């Protein structure tokens, strides 16, 4: 098996994966959320967040080179308006 350099300069075998990344948390004071943060906030996968963005169902926009961002205040307002108690 060949050894490939990793990002930290150490060698690892080609069959080995990288260390698992910690799950992103939702920052308390952040107005603009990244897709991974929205996924944690809504309890869904990051791919589902991208799908909602592409369908126009999220208050989001695309930043060239930075990906999408979601307005936290508008997302919270959207959830309050759409989620009705039973």
Protein backbone atom coordinates (compact mmCIF):
# COMPACT_ATOMS: atom_id res chain seq x y z
CA UNK A 1 0.00 0.00 0.00
CA UNK A 2 1.31 3.44 -0.84
CA UNK A 3 1.61 6.14 1.73
CA UNK A 4 0.02 9.50 1.07
CA UNK A 5 0.96 12.76 2.81
CA UNK A 6 -1.77 14.16 5.02
CA UNK A 7 -2.52 17.78 5.86
CA UNK A 8 -0.54 17.68 9.08
CA UNK A 9 2.61 16.41 7.33
CA UNK A 10 2.45 12.85 8.68
CA UNK A 11 2.15 9.84 6.43
CA UNK A 12 -0.94 7.67 6.35
CA UNK A 13 -1.86 4.64 4.31
CA UNK A 14 -4.15 5.16 1.34
CA UNK A 15 -6.88 3.02 2.94
CA UNK A 16 -6.96 5.05 6.14
CA UNK A 17 -9.38 7.88 6.56
CA UNK A 18 -8.84 11.20 8.26
CA UNK A 19 -9.81 11.88 11.84
CA UNK A 20 -13.53 12.57 12.19
CA UNK A 21 -14.34 16.25 12.41
CA UNK A 22 -16.37 17.50 15.38
CA UNK A 23 -19.99 18.29 14.64
CA UNK A 24 -20.53 22.00 14.00
CA UNK A 25 -22.42 23.94 16.60
CA UNK A 26 -24.75 26.86 16.08
CA UNK A 27 -23.03 30.10 17.14
CA UNK A 28 -25.11 32.13 19.58
CA UNK A 29 -24.69 35.61 18.15
CA UNK A 30 -24.13 34.82 14.47
CA UNK A 31 -26.69 36.27 12.08
CA UNK A 32 -25.54 34.38 8.98
CA UNK A 33 -25.41 30.60 9.29
CA UNK A 34 -23.50 28.11 7.14
CA UNK A 35 -25.30 25.04 5.77
CA UNK A 36 -23.77 22.74 8.40
CA UNK A 37 -24.94 25.08 11.18
CA UNK A 38 -28.45 25.24 9.68
CA UNK A 39 -28.49 21.44 9.54
CA UNK A 40 -27.72 21.26 13.27
CA UNK A 41 -30.29 23.99 13.99
CA UNK A 42 -33.03 22.18 12.04
CA UNK A 43 -31.96 18.63 12.88
CA UNK A 44 -31.48 17.52 9.27
CA UNK A 45 -28.62 16.65 6.95
CA UNK A 46 -26.48 19.25 5.24
CA UNK A 47 -27.57 17.90 1.84
CA UNK A 48 -31.21 18.58 2.78
CA UNK A 49 -30.28 22.18 3.59
CA UNK A 50 -28.75 22.56 0.12
CA UNK A 51 -31.92 21.09 -1.42
CA UNK A 52 -34.10 23.59 0.44
CA UNK A 53 -31.81 26.39 -0.72
CA UNK A 54 -32.00 25.31 -4.37
CA UNK A 55 -35.80 25.07 -4.17
CA UNK A 56 -35.99 28.58 -2.72
CA UNK A 57 -37.51 27.34 0.56
CA UNK A 58 -34.82 28.89 2.80
CA UNK A 59 -34.07 32.57 3.40
CA UNK A 60 -30.59 32.14 1.90
CA UNK A 61 -28.23 33.49 -0.72
CA UNK A 62 -25.01 32.38 -2.40
CA UNK A 63 -21.71 34.15 -1.83
CA UNK A 64 -19.22 33.64 -4.67
CA UNK A 65 -16.41 31.44 -3.38
CA UNK A 66 -17.92 31.08 0.10
CA UNK A 67 -21.04 29.01 -0.47
CA UNK A 68 -24.49 29.76 0.86
CA UNK A 69 -25.49 31.64 3.99
CA UNK A 70 -28.85 31.62 5.75
CA UNK A 71 -30.27 34.56 7.69
CA UNK A 72 -30.89 33.25 11.20
CA UNK A 73 -33.57 35.82 12.06
CA UNK A 74 -35.60 35.09 8.91
CA UNK A 75 -35.19 31.34 9.42
CA UNK A 76 -36.49 31.61 12.98
CA UNK A 77 -39.42 33.75 11.80
CA UNK A 78 -40.17 31.24 9.03
CA UNK A 79 -40.22 28.37 11.53
CA UNK A 80 -42.51 30.27 13.88
CA UNK A 81 -44.96 30.98 11.04
CA UNK A 82 -44.97 27.49 9.54
CA UNK A 83 -44.84 25.37 12.70
CA UNK A 84 -48.30 25.43 14.23
CA UNK A 85 -49.18 23.68 17.48
CA UNK A 86 -51.50 20.69 17.19
